[in-house]
Amino acid sequence: MAHNNDWTIQGTPKNKPFRFEKFWLTYAKFIQKTEQWWKEPLGIRGTKMYLLQAKLKHIKSRIKFWNHEVFGNVFKEQKKLEEKMEQIHEGWNQGNIDQETMNREQKLM
């Protein structure tokens, strides 16, 4: 159990850490969009470190919104597909193997 004085940070659905996803690079204009977002004026003043932090926070927000628009919730979809595969494999363990089920498995893969 984590104590208040622990230095470990636990992500929660509301406050999970930002992670760069490699599949974003497969989107043809991702780099171009990122450069565009970086150049957007924030209308704030401060030290260079503060401005860098603000830019990173801004670009994180833009990427998260873009990701949801373009890809949706890929982790939720992945979980659904894995559950369907598990059902197919459970059926096979019980001897329920037919061509239609094999085709469904291939499509899910």
PDB file of N, CA and C in Angstrom:
ATOM      1  N   MET A   1       0.844  -1.178   0.000  1.00  0.00           N
ATOM      2  CA  MET A   1       0.000   0.000   0.000  1.00  0.00           C
ATOM      3  C   MET A   1       0.889   1.240   0.000  1.00  0.00           C
ATOM      4  N   ALA A   2       0.599   2.187  -0.855  1.00  0.00           N
ATOM      5  CA  ALA A   2       1.420   3.393  -0.975  1.00  0.00           C
ATOM      6  C   ALA A   2       1.098   4.357   0.159  1.00  0.00           C
ATOM      7  N   HIS A   3       2.142   4.950   0.700  1.00  0.00           N
ATOM      8  CA  HIS A   3       1.985   5.961   1.741  1.00  0.00           C
ATOM      9  C   HIS A   3       2.162   7.331   1.125  1.00  0.00           C
ATOM     10  N   ASN A   4       1.711   8.356   1.810  1.00  0.00           N
ATOM     11  CA  ASN A   4       1.825   9.717   1.308  1.00  0.00           C
ATOM     12  C   ASN A   4       3.259  10.144   1.081  1.00  0.00           C
ATOM     13  N   ASN A   5       4.205   9.581   1.838  1.00  0.00           N
ATOM     14  CA  ASN A   5       5.594   9.981   1.682  1.00  0.00           C
ATOM     15  C   ASN A   5       6.356   9.108   0.692  1.00  0.00           C
ATOM     16  N   ASP A   6       5.683   8.188   0.019  1.00  0.00           N
ATOM     17  CA  ASP A   6       6.316   7.372  -1.020  1.00  0.00           C
ATOM     18  C   ASP A   6       6.655   8.229  -2.230  1.00  0.00           C
ATOM     19  N   TRP A   7       7.743   7.905  -2.891  1.00  0.00           N
ATOM     20  CA  TRP A   7       8.133   8.643  -4.091  1.00  0.00           C
ATOM     21  C   TRP A   7       7.637   7.976  -5.361  1.00  0.00           C
ATOM     22  N   THR A   8       6.911   6.872  -5.221  1.00  0.00           N
ATOM     23  CA  THR A   8       6.365   6.215  -6.406  1.00  0.00           C
ATOM     24  C   THR A   8       5.117   6.952  -6.858  1.00  0.00           C
ATOM     25  N   ILE A   9       4.973   7.046  -8.149  1.00  0.00           N
ATOM     26  CA  ILE A   9       3.810   7.714  -8.720  1.00  0.00           C
ATOM     27  C   ILE A   9       2.979   6.667  -9.431  1.00  0.00           C
ATOM     28  N   GLN A  10       1.744   6.577  -9.069  1.00  0.00           N
ATOM     29  CA  GLN A  10       0.850   5.600  -9.659  1.00  0.00           C
ATOM     30  C   GLN A  10      -0.104   6.317 -10.596  1.00  0.00           C
ATOM     31  N   GLY A  11      -0.161   5.891 -11.855  1.00  0.00           N
ATOM     32  CA  GLY A  11      -1.100   6.491 -12.794  1.00  0.00           C
ATOM     33  C   GLY A  11      -2.516   6.022 -12.506  1.00  0.00           C
ATOM     34  N   THR A  12      -3.446   6.890 -12.668  1.00  0.00           N
ATOM     35  CA  THR A  12      -4.854   6.549 -12.513  1.00  0.00           C
ATOM     36  C   THR A  12      -5.543   6.891 -13.824  1.00  0.00           C
ATOM     37  N   PRO A  13      -6.731   6.355 -14.064  1.00  0.00           N
ATOM     38  CA  PRO A  13      -7.414   6.691 -15.313  1.00  0.00           C
ATOM     39  C   PRO A  13      -7.544   8.191 -15.533  1.00  0.00           C
ATOM     40  N   LYS A  14      -7.687   8.944 -14.461  1.00  0.00           N
ATOM     41  CA  LYS A  14      -7.841  10.382 -14.591  1.00  0.00           C
ATOM     42  C   LYS A  14      -6.481  11.079 -14.749  1.00  0.00           C
ATOM     43  N   ASN A  15      -5.443  10.505 -14.178  1.00  0.00           N
ATOM     44  CA  ASN A  15      -4.134  11.143 -14.165  1.00  0.00           C
ATOM     45  C   ASN A  15      -3.047  10.165 -14.597  1.00  0.00           C
ATOM     46  N   LYS A  16      -3.244   9.524 -15.740  1.00  0.00           N
ATOM     47  CA  LYS A  16      -2.241   8.565 -16.179  1.00  0.00           C
ATOM     48  C   LYS A  16      -1.114   9.280 -16.913  1.00  0.00           C
ATOM     49  N   PRO A  17       0.082   8.738 -16.859  1.00  0.00           N
ATOM     50  CA  PRO A  17       1.222   9.400 -17.504  1.00  0.00           C
ATOM     51  C   PRO A  17       1.085   9.410 -19.024  1.00  0.00           C
ATOM     52  N   PHE A  18       1.617  10.435 -19.633  1.00  0.00           N
ATOM     53  CA  PHE A  18       1.608  10.555 -21.094  1.00  0.00           C
ATOM     54  C   PHE A  18       2.663   9.615 -21.657  1.00  0.00           C
ATOM     55  N   ARG A  19       2.292   8.844 -22.637  1.00  0.00           N
ATOM     56  CA  ARG A  19       3.235   7.925 -23.276  1.00  0.00           C
ATOM     57  C   ARG A  19       3.172   8.133 -24.784  1.00  0.00           C
ATOM     58  N   PHE A  20       4.339   8.253 -25.385  1.00  0.00           N
ATOM     59  CA  PHE A  20       4.421   8.380 -26.835  1.00  0.00           C
ATOM     60  C   PHE A  20       4.158   7.016 -27.445  1.00  0.00           C
ATOM     61  N   GLU A  21       3.293   6.969 -28.429  1.00  0.00           N
ATOM     62  CA  GLU A  21       2.950   5.714 -29.100  1.00  0.00           C
ATOM     63  C   GLU A  21       3.631   5.658 -30.464  1.00  0.00           C
ATOM     64  N   LYS A  22       4.365   4.597 -30.698  1.00  0.00           N
ATOM     65  CA  LYS A  22       5.117   4.450 -31.941  1.00  0.00           C
ATOM     66  C   LYS A  22       4.212   4.456 -33.169  1.00  0.00           C
ATOM     67  N   PHE A  23       2.994   3.942 -33.033  1.00  0.00           N
ATOM     68  CA  PHE A  23       2.104   3.873 -34.193  1.00  0.00           C
ATOM     69  C   PHE A  23       1.683   5.257 -34.684  1.00  0.00           C
ATOM     70  N   TRP A  24       1.836   6.308 -33.870  1.00  0.00           N
ATOM     71  CA  TRP A  24       1.526   7.661 -34.333  1.00  0.00           C
ATOM     72  C   TRP A  24       2.401   8.025 -35.527  1.00  0.00           C
ATOM     73  N   LEU A  25       3.614   7.493 -35.548  1.00  0.00           N
ATOM     74  CA  LEU A  25       4.538   7.807 -36.640  1.00  0.00           C
ATOM     75  C   LEU A  25       4.088   7.215 -37.970  1.00  0.00           C
ATOM     76  N   THR A  26       3.155   6.268 -37.931  1.00  0.00           N
ATOM     77  CA  THR A  26       2.643   5.689 -39.173  1.00  0.00           C
ATOM     78  C   THR A  26       1.664   6.642 -39.860  1.00  0.00           C
ATOM     79  N   TYR A  27       1.172   7.622 -39.127  1.00  0.00           N
ATOM     80  CA  TYR A  27       0.268   8.619 -39.694  1.00  0.00           C
ATOM     81  C   TYR A  27       1.104   9.606 -40.493  1.00  0.00           C
ATOM     82  N   ALA A  28       0.808   9.744 -41.757  1.00  0.00           N
ATOM     83  CA  ALA A  28       1.663  10.483 -42.697  1.00  0.00           C
ATOM     84  C   ALA A  28       2.022  11.898 -42.240  1.00  0.00           C
ATOM     85  N   LYS A  29       1.100  12.608 -41.644  1.00  0.00           N
ATOM     86  CA  LYS A  29       1.352  14.013 -41.317  1.00  0.00           C
ATOM     87  C   LYS A  29       1.577  14.260 -39.827  1.00  0.00           C
ATOM     88  N   PHE A  30       1.893  13.230 -39.063  1.00  0.00           N
ATOM     89  CA  PHE A  30       2.064  13.408 -37.626  1.00  0.00           C
ATOM     90  C   PHE A  30       3.193  14.392 -37.304  1.00  0.00           C
ATOM     91  N   ILE A  31       4.342  14.237 -37.924  1.00  0.00           N
ATOM     92  CA  ILE A  31       5.484  15.128 -37.659  1.00  0.00           C
ATOM     93  C   ILE A  31       5.120  16.559 -38.047  1.00  0.00           C
ATOM     94  N   GLN A  32       4.512  16.718 -39.207  1.00  0.00           N
ATOM     95  CA  GLN A  32       4.103  18.049 -39.668  1.00  0.00           C
ATOM     96  C   GLN A  32       3.120  18.686 -38.678  1.00  0.00           C
ATOM     97  N   LYS A  33       2.144  17.920 -38.220  1.00  0.00           N
ATOM     98  CA  LYS A  33       1.171  18.444 -37.257  1.00  0.00           C
ATOM     99  C   LYS A  33       1.864  18.824 -35.952  1.00  0.00           C
ATOM    100  N   THR A  34       2.790  17.991 -35.493  1.00  0.00           N
ATOM    101  CA  THR A  34       3.514  18.265 -34.253  1.00  0.00           C
ATOM    102  C   THR A  34       4.293  19.567 -34.370  1.00  0.00           C
ATOM    103  N   GLU A  35       4.958  19.765 -35.503  1.00  0.00           N
ATOM    104  CA  GLU A  35       5.699  21.016 -35.723  1.00  0.00           C
ATOM    105  C   GLU A  35       4.747  22.213 -35.723  1.00  0.00           C
ATOM    106  N   GLN A  36       3.605  22.049 -36.337  1.00  0.00           N
ATOM    107  CA  GLN A  36       2.600  23.119 -36.387  1.00  0.00           C
ATOM    108  C   GLN A  36       2.126  23.458 -34.969  1.00  0.00           C
ATOM    109  N   TRP A  37       1.814  22.442 -34.183  1.00  0.00           N
ATOM    110  CA  TRP A  37       1.348  22.675 -32.812  1.00  0.00           C
ATOM    111  C   TRP A  37       2.427  23.350 -31.971  1.00  0.00           C
ATOM    112  N   TRP A  38       3.687  22.966 -32.195  1.00  0.00           N
ATOM    113  CA  TRP A  38       4.793  23.543 -31.435  1.00  0.00           C
ATOM    114  C   TRP A  38       4.913  25.043 -31.700  1.00  0.00           C
ATOM    115  N   LYS A  39       4.639  25.437 -32.930  1.00  0.00           N
ATOM    116  CA  LYS A  39       4.779  26.843 -33.324  1.00  0.00           C
ATOM    117  C   LYS A  39       3.599  27.707 -32.897  1.00  0.00           C
ATOM    118  N   GLU A  40       2.518  27.118 -32.438  1.00  0.00           N
ATOM    119  CA  GLU A  40       1.347  27.887 -32.031  1.00  0.00           C
ATOM    120  C   GLU A  40       1.699  28.801 -30.854  1.00  0.00           C
ATOM    121  N   PRO A  41       1.361  30.077 -30.973  1.00  0.00           N
ATOM    122  CA  PRO A  41       1.663  31.002 -29.862  1.00  0.00           C
ATOM    123  C   PRO A  41       0.765  30.702 -28.663  1.00  0.00           C
ATOM    124  N   LEU A  42       1.361  30.774 -27.480  1.00  0.00           N
ATOM    125  CA  LEU A  42       0.602  30.493 -26.266  1.00  0.00           C
ATOM    126  C   LEU A  42       0.135  31.768 -25.566  1.00  0.00           C
ATOM    127  N   GLY A  43       0.736  32.891 -25.931  1.00  0.00           N
ATOM    128  CA  GLY A  43       0.333  34.154 -25.332  1.00  0.00           C
ATOM    129  C   GLY A  43       0.690  34.268 -23.858  1.00  0.00           C
ATOM    130  N   ILE A  44       1.798  33.650 -23.487  1.00  0.00           N
ATOM    131  CA  ILE A  44       2.241  33.733 -22.086  1.00  0.00           C
ATOM    132  C   ILE A  44       3.678  34.230 -22.033  1.00  0.00           C
ATOM    133  N   ARG A  45       4.086  34.648 -20.854  1.00  0.00           N
ATOM    134  CA  ARG A  45       5.451  35.120 -20.639  1.00  0.00           C
ATOM    135  C   ARG A  45       6.035  34.396 -19.441  1.00  0.00           C
ATOM    136  N   GLY A  46       7.349  34.342 -19.414  1.00  0.00           N
ATOM    137  CA  GLY A  46       8.012  33.706 -18.282  1.00  0.00           C
ATOM    138  C   GLY A  46       9.427  33.325 -18.642  1.00  0.00           C
ATOM    139  N   THR A  47      10.056  32.600 -17.756  1.00  0.00           N
ATOM    140  CA  THR A  47      11.426  32.149 -18.004  1.00  0.00           C
ATOM    141  C   THR A  47      11.425  31.141 -19.142  1.00  0.00           C
ATOM    142  N   LYS A  48      12.589  30.885 -19.694  1.00  0.00           N
ATOM    143  CA  LYS A  48      12.680  29.913 -20.790  1.00  0.00           C
ATOM    144  C   LYS A  48      12.227  28.530 -20.339  1.00  0.00           C
ATOM    145  N   MET A  49      12.565  28.163 -19.113  1.00  0.00           N
ATOM    146  CA  MET A  49      12.151  26.858 -18.601  1.00  0.00           C
ATOM    147  C   MET A  49      10.630  26.794 -18.461  1.00  0.00           C
ATOM    148  N   TYR A  50      10.022  27.863 -17.978  1.00  0.00           N
ATOM    149  CA  TYR A  50       8.561  27.917 -17.839  1.00  0.00           C
ATOM    150  C   TYR A  50       7.906  27.825 -19.218  1.00  0.00           C
ATOM    151  N   LEU A  51       8.449  28.539 -20.208  1.00  0.00           N
ATOM    152  CA  LEU A  51       7.890  28.504 -21.559  1.00  0.00           C
ATOM    153  C   LEU A  51       8.026  27.111 -22.173  1.00  0.00           C
ATOM    154  N   LEU A  52       9.163  26.449 -21.928  1.00  0.00           N
ATOM    155  CA  LEU A  52       9.353  25.080 -22.430  1.00  0.00           C
ATOM    156  C   LEU A  52       8.310  24.153 -21.811  1.00  0.00           C
ATOM    157  N   GLN A  53       8.129  24.265 -20.508  1.00  0.00           N
ATOM    158  CA  GLN A  53       7.143  23.442 -19.824  1.00  0.00           C
ATOM    159  C   GLN A  53       5.738  23.698 -20.381  1.00  0.00           C
ATOM    160  N   ALA A  54       5.419  24.946 -20.612  1.00  0.00           N
ATOM    161  CA  ALA A  54       4.099  25.293 -21.159  1.00  0.00           C
ATOM    162  C   ALA A  54       3.929  24.735 -22.567  1.00  0.00           C
ATOM    163  N   LYS A  55       4.988  24.809 -23.396  1.00  0.00           N
ATOM    164  CA  LYS A  55       4.926  24.262 -24.763  1.00  0.00           C
ATOM    165  C   LYS A  55       4.700  22.754 -24.721  1.00  0.00           C
ATOM    166  N   LEU A  56       5.432  22.063 -23.833  1.00  0.00           N
ATOM    167  CA  LEU A  56       5.285  20.613 -23.729  1.00  0.00           C
ATOM    168  C   LEU A  56       3.879  20.233 -23.268  1.00  0.00           C
ATOM    169  N   LYS A  57       3.354  20.969 -22.325  1.00  0.00           N
ATOM    170  CA  LYS A  57       1.992  20.714 -21.844  1.00  0.00           C
ATOM    171  C   LYS A  57       0.980  20.951 -22.963  1.00  0.00           C
ATOM    172  N   HIS A  58       1.195  22.026 -23.733  1.00  0.00           N
ATOM    173  CA  HIS A  58       0.311  22.353 -24.850  1.00  0.00           C
ATOM    174  C   HIS A  58       0.345  21.252 -25.910  1.00  0.00           C
ATOM    175  N   ILE A  59       1.540  20.828 -26.279  1.00  0.00           N
ATOM    176  CA  ILE A  59       1.651  19.823 -27.347  1.00  0.00           C
ATOM    177  C   ILE A  59       1.100  18.477 -26.873  1.00  0.00           C
ATOM    178  N   LYS A  60       1.281  18.166 -25.597  1.00  0.00           N
ATOM    179  CA  LYS A  60       0.705  16.938 -25.038  1.00  0.00           C
ATOM    180  C   LYS A  60      -0.813  16.960 -25.189  1.00  0.00           C
ATOM    181  N   SER A  61      -1.408  18.079 -24.855  1.00  0.00           N
ATOM    182  CA  SER A  61      -2.853  18.225 -24.961  1.00  0.00           C
ATOM    183  C   SER A  61      -3.318  18.058 -26.403  1.00  0.00           C
ATOM    184  N   ARG A  62      -2.607  18.691 -27.335  1.00  0.00           N
ATOM    185  CA  ARG A  62      -2.980  18.607 -28.756  1.00  0.00           C
ATOM    186  C   ARG A  62      -2.839  17.168 -29.271  1.00  0.00           C
ATOM    187  N   ILE A  63      -1.761  16.491 -28.884  1.00  0.00           N
ATOM    188  CA  ILE A  63      -1.537  15.114 -29.345  1.00  0.00           C
ATOM    189  C   ILE A  63      -2.616  14.192 -28.785  1.00  0.00           C
ATOM    190  N   LYS A  64      -2.960  14.340 -27.523  1.00  0.00           N
ATOM    191  CA  LYS A  64      -3.990  13.485 -26.931  1.00  0.00           C
ATOM    192  C   LYS A  64      -5.333  13.672 -27.639  1.00  0.00           C
ATOM    193  N   PHE A  65      -5.692  14.916 -27.914  1.00  0.00           N
ATOM    194  CA  PHE A  65      -6.948  15.187 -28.609  1.00  0.00           C
ATOM    195  C   PHE A  65      -6.907  14.599 -30.021  1.00  0.00           C
ATOM    196  N   TRP A  66      -5.801  14.848 -30.742  1.00  0.00           N
ATOM    197  CA  TRP A  66      -5.625  14.319 -32.097  1.00  0.00           C
ATOM    198  C   TRP A  66      -5.692  12.801 -32.096  1.00  0.00           C
ATOM    199  N   ASN A  67      -5.017  12.162 -31.159  1.00  0.00           N
ATOM    200  CA  ASN A  67      -5.001  10.706 -31.071  1.00  0.00           C
ATOM    201  C   ASN A  67      -6.419  10.161 -30.929  1.00  0.00           C
ATOM    202  N   HIS A  68      -7.195  10.779 -30.076  1.00  0.00           N
ATOM    203  CA  HIS A  68      -8.565  10.317 -29.872  1.00  0.00           C
ATOM    204  C   HIS A  68      -9.406  10.496 -31.137  1.00  0.00           C
ATOM    205  N   GLU A  69      -9.207  11.614 -31.842  1.00  0.00           N
ATOM    206  CA  GLU A  69      -9.956  11.853 -33.087  1.00  0.00           C
ATOM    207  C   GLU A  69      -9.575  10.870 -34.181  1.00  0.00           C
ATOM    208  N   VAL A  70      -8.280  10.619 -34.353  1.00  0.00           N
ATOM    209  CA  VAL A  70      -7.795   9.800 -35.464  1.00  0.00           C
ATOM    210  C   VAL A  70      -7.888   8.302 -35.168  1.00  0.00           C
ATOM    211  N   PHE A  71      -7.452   7.894 -33.988  1.00  0.00           N
ATOM    212  CA  PHE A  71      -7.356   6.471 -33.683  1.00  0.00           C
ATOM    213  C   PHE A  71      -8.407   5.966 -32.707  1.00  0.00           C
ATOM    214  N   GLY A  72      -9.098   6.859 -32.004  1.00  0.00           N
ATOM    215  CA  GLY A  72     -10.045   6.419 -30.987  1.00  0.00           C
ATOM    216  C   GLY A  72      -9.299   5.806 -29.819  1.00  0.00           C
ATOM    217  N   ASN A  73      -9.964   4.940 -29.096  1.00  0.00           N
ATOM    218  CA  ASN A  73      -9.333   4.281 -27.957  1.00  0.00           C
ATOM    219  C   ASN A  73      -8.808   2.921 -28.409  1.00  0.00           C
ATOM    220  N   VAL A  74      -7.569   2.896 -28.903  1.00  0.00           N
ATOM    221  CA  VAL A  74      -7.004   1.663 -29.450  1.00  0.00           C
ATOM    222  C   VAL A  74      -6.830   0.588 -28.387  1.00  0.00           C
ATOM    223  N   PHE A  75      -6.598   0.975 -27.146  1.00  0.00           N
ATOM    224  CA  PHE A  75      -6.389  -0.011 -26.097  1.00  0.00           C
ATOM    225  C   PHE A  75      -7.693  -0.726 -25.751  1.00  0.00           C
ATOM    226  N   LYS A  76      -8.786   0.016 -25.800  1.00  0.00           N
ATOM    227  CA  LYS A  76     -10.104  -0.587 -25.569  1.00  0.00           C
ATOM    228  C   LYS A  76     -10.423  -1.568 -26.701  1.00  0.00           C
ATOM    229  N   GLU A  77     -10.140  -1.164 -27.931  1.00  0.00           N
ATOM    230  CA  GLU A  77     -10.390  -2.035 -29.085  1.00  0.00           C
ATOM    231  C   GLU A  77      -9.494  -3.276 -29.033  1.00  0.00           C
ATOM    232  N   GLN A  78      -8.247  -3.087 -28.634  1.00  0.00           N
ATOM    233  CA  GLN A  78      -7.322  -4.217 -28.519  1.00  0.00           C
ATOM    234  C   GLN A  78      -7.840  -5.227 -27.495  1.00  0.00           C
ATOM    235  N   LYS A  79      -8.337  -4.727 -26.387  1.00  0.00           N
ATOM    236  CA  LYS A  79      -8.871  -5.617 -25.343  1.00  0.00           C
ATOM    237  C   LYS A  79     -10.060  -6.410 -25.864  1.00  0.00           C
ATOM    238  N   LYS A  80     -10.948  -5.758 -26.632  1.00  0.00           N
ATOM    239  CA  LYS A  80     -12.097  -6.449 -27.205  1.00  0.00           C
ATOM    240  C   LYS A  80     -11.646  -7.580 -28.132  1.00  0.00           C
ATOM    241  N   LEU A  81     -10.648  -7.278 -28.980  1.00  0.00           N
ATOM    242  CA  LEU A  81     -10.150  -8.292 -29.907  1.00  0.00           C
ATOM    243  C   LEU A  81      -9.514  -9.462 -29.162  1.00  0.00           C
ATOM    244  N   GLU A  82      -8.767  -9.152 -28.106  1.00  0.00           N
ATOM    245  CA  GLU A  82      -8.133 -10.213 -27.318  1.00  0.00           C
ATOM    246  C   GLU A  82      -9.187 -11.096 -26.649  1.00  0.00           C
ATOM    247  N   GLU A  83     -10.281 -10.491 -26.183  1.00  0.00           N
ATOM    248  CA  GLU A  83     -11.360 -11.277 -25.573  1.00  0.00           C
ATOM    249  C   GLU A  83     -12.020 -12.198 -26.599  1.00  0.00           C
ATOM    250  N   LYS A  84     -12.216 -11.705 -27.816  1.00  0.00           N
ATOM    251  CA  LYS A  84     -12.798 -12.532 -28.880  1.00  0.00           C
ATOM    252  C   LYS A  84     -11.872 -13.703 -29.224  1.00  0.00           C
ATOM    253  N   MET A  85     -10.570 -13.435 -29.266  1.00  0.00           N
ATOM    254  CA  MET A  85      -9.599 -14.497 -29.554  1.00  0.00           C
ATOM    255  C   MET A  85      -9.625 -15.546 -28.447  1.00  0.00           C
ATOM    256  N   GLU A  86      -9.737 -15.080 -27.218  1.00  0.00           N
ATOM    257  CA  GLU A  86      -9.788 -16.005 -26.086  1.00  0.00           C
ATOM    258  C   GLU A  86     -11.010 -16.910 -26.178  1.00  0.00           C
ATOM    259  N   GLN A  87     -12.147 -16.357 -26.601  1.00  0.00           N
ATOM    260  CA  GLN A  87     -13.367 -17.158 -26.762  1.00  0.00           C
ATOM    261  C   GLN A  87     -13.166 -18.224 -27.835  1.00  0.00           C
ATOM    262  N   ILE A  88     -12.526 -17.826 -28.934  1.00  0.00           N
ATOM    263  CA  ILE A  88     -12.266 -18.791 -30.010  1.00  0.00           C
ATOM    264  C   ILE A  88     -11.379 -19.918 -29.497  1.00  0.00           C
ATOM    265  N   HIS A  89     -10.313 -19.576 -28.787  1.00  0.00           N
ATOM    266  CA  HIS A  89      -9.377 -20.591 -28.302  1.00  0.00           C
ATOM    267  C   HIS A  89     -10.003 -21.479 -27.233  1.00  0.00           C
ATOM    268  N   GLU A  90     -10.886 -20.922 -26.426  1.00  0.00           N
ATOM    269  CA  GLU A  90     -11.613 -21.753 -25.452  1.00  0.00           C
ATOM    270  C   GLU A  90     -12.497 -22.763 -26.180  1.00  0.00           C
ATOM    271  N   GLY A  91     -13.130 -22.315 -27.266  1.00  0.00           N
ATOM    272  CA  GLY A  91     -13.951 -23.229 -28.068  1.00  0.00           C
ATOM    273  C   GLY A  91     -13.116 -24.342 -28.668  1.00  0.00           C
ATOM    274  N   TRP A  92     -11.923 -24.013 -29.120  1.00  0.00           N
ATOM    275  CA  TRP A  92     -11.035 -25.020 -29.689  1.00  0.00           C
ATOM    276  C   TRP A  92     -10.625 -26.039 -28.626  1.00  0.00           C
ATOM    277  N   ASN A  93     -10.390 -25.561 -27.409  1.00  0.00           N
ATOM    278  CA  ASN A  93     -10.019 -26.475 -26.326  1.00  0.00           C
ATOM    279  C   ASN A  93     -11.140 -27.459 -26.029  1.00  0.00           C
ATOM    280  N   GLN A  94     -12.367 -27.072 -26.369  1.00  0.00           N
ATOM    281  CA  GLN A  94     -13.518 -27.956 -26.161  1.00  0.00           C
ATOM    282  C   GLN A  94     -13.837 -28.766 -27.418  1.00  0.00           C
ATOM    283  N   GLY A  95     -12.988 -28.623 -28.440  1.00  0.00           N
ATOM    284  CA  GLY A  95     -13.163 -29.405 -29.658  1.00  0.00           C
ATOM    285  C   GLY A  95     -14.017 -28.749 -30.717  1.00  0.00           C
ATOM    286  N   ASN A  96     -14.342 -27.499 -30.552  1.00  0.00           N
ATOM    287  CA  ASN A  96     -15.182 -26.782 -31.522  1.00  0.00           C
ATOM    288  C   ASN A  96     -14.315 -26.077 -32.561  1.00  0.00           C
ATOM    289  N   ILE A  97     -13.798 -26.865 -33.507  1.00  0.00           N
ATOM    290  CA  ILE A  97     -12.958 -26.286 -34.551  1.00  0.00           C
ATOM    291  C   ILE A  97     -13.666 -26.479 -35.887  1.00  0.00           C
ATOM    292  N   ASP A  98     -13.955 -25.383 -36.563  1.00  0.00           N
ATOM    293  CA  ASP A  98     -14.509 -25.467 -37.906  1.00  0.00           C
ATOM    294  C   ASP A  98     -13.886 -24.360 -38.755  1.00  0.00           C
ATOM    295  N   GLN A  99     -14.128 -24.415 -40.051  1.00  0.00           N
ATOM    296  CA  GLN A  99     -13.507 -23.457 -40.976  1.00  0.00           C
ATOM    297  C   GLN A  99     -13.943 -22.021 -40.684  1.00  0.00           C
ATOM    298  N   GLU A 100     -15.207 -21.833 -40.341  1.00  0.00           N
ATOM    299  CA  GLU A 100     -15.700 -20.485 -40.051  1.00  0.00           C
ATOM    300  C   GLU A 100     -14.964 -19.874 -38.853  1.00  0.00           C
ATOM    301  N   THR A 101     -14.761 -20.686 -37.820  1.00  0.00           N
ATOM    302  CA  THR A 101     -14.046 -20.200 -36.632  1.00  0.00           C
ATOM    303  C   THR A 101     -12.590 -19.903 -36.968  1.00  0.00           C
ATOM    304  N   MET A 102     -11.990 -20.741 -37.790  1.00  0.00           N
ATOM    305  CA  MET A 102     -10.597 -20.503 -38.198  1.00  0.00           C
ATOM    306  C   MET A 102     -10.499 -19.203 -39.002  1.00  0.00           C
ATOM    307  N   ASN A 103     -11.489 -18.945 -39.852  1.00  0.00           N
ATOM    308  CA  ASN A 103     -11.504 -17.705 -40.625  1.00  0.00           C
ATOM    309  C   ASN A 103     -11.665 -16.487 -39.711  1.00  0.00           C
ATOM    310  N   ARG A 104     -12.541 -16.616 -38.692  1.00  0.00           N
ATOM    311  CA  ARG A 104     -12.709 -15.513 -37.733  1.00  0.00           C
ATOM    312  C   ARG A 104     -11.407 -15.238 -36.995  1.00  0.00           C
ATOM    313  N   GLU A 105     -10.719 -16.305 -36.585  1.00  0.00           N
ATOM    314  CA  GLU A 105      -9.443 -16.113 -35.890  1.00  0.00           C
ATOM    315  C   GLU A 105      -8.438 -15.409 -36.784  1.00  0.00           C
ATOM    316  N   GLN A 106      -8.361 -15.832 -38.034  1.00  0.00           N
ATOM    317  CA  GLN A 106      -7.424 -15.216 -38.973  1.00  0.00           C
ATOM    318  C   GLN A 106      -7.730 -13.725 -39.168  1.00  0.00           C
ATOM    319  N   LYS A 107      -9.015 -13.401 -39.273  1.00  0.00           N
ATOM    320  CA  LYS A 107      -9.424 -12.004 -39.434  1.00  0.00           C
ATOM    321  C   LYS A 107      -9.046 -11.178 -38.206  1.00  0.00           C
ATOM    322  N   LEU A 108      -9.255 -11.735 -37.010  1.00  0.00           N
ATOM    323  CA  LEU A 108      -8.897 -11.032 -35.772  1.00  0.00           C
ATOM    324  C   LEU A 108      -7.395 -10.815 -35.658  1.00  0.00           C
ATOM    325  N   MET A 109      -6.629 -11.792 -36.114  1.00  0.00           N
ATOM    326  CA  MET A 109      -5.168 -11.645 -36.072  1.00  0.00           C
ATOM    327  C   MET A 109      -4.745 -10.476 -36.934  1.00  0.00           C
TER     328      MET A 109
END
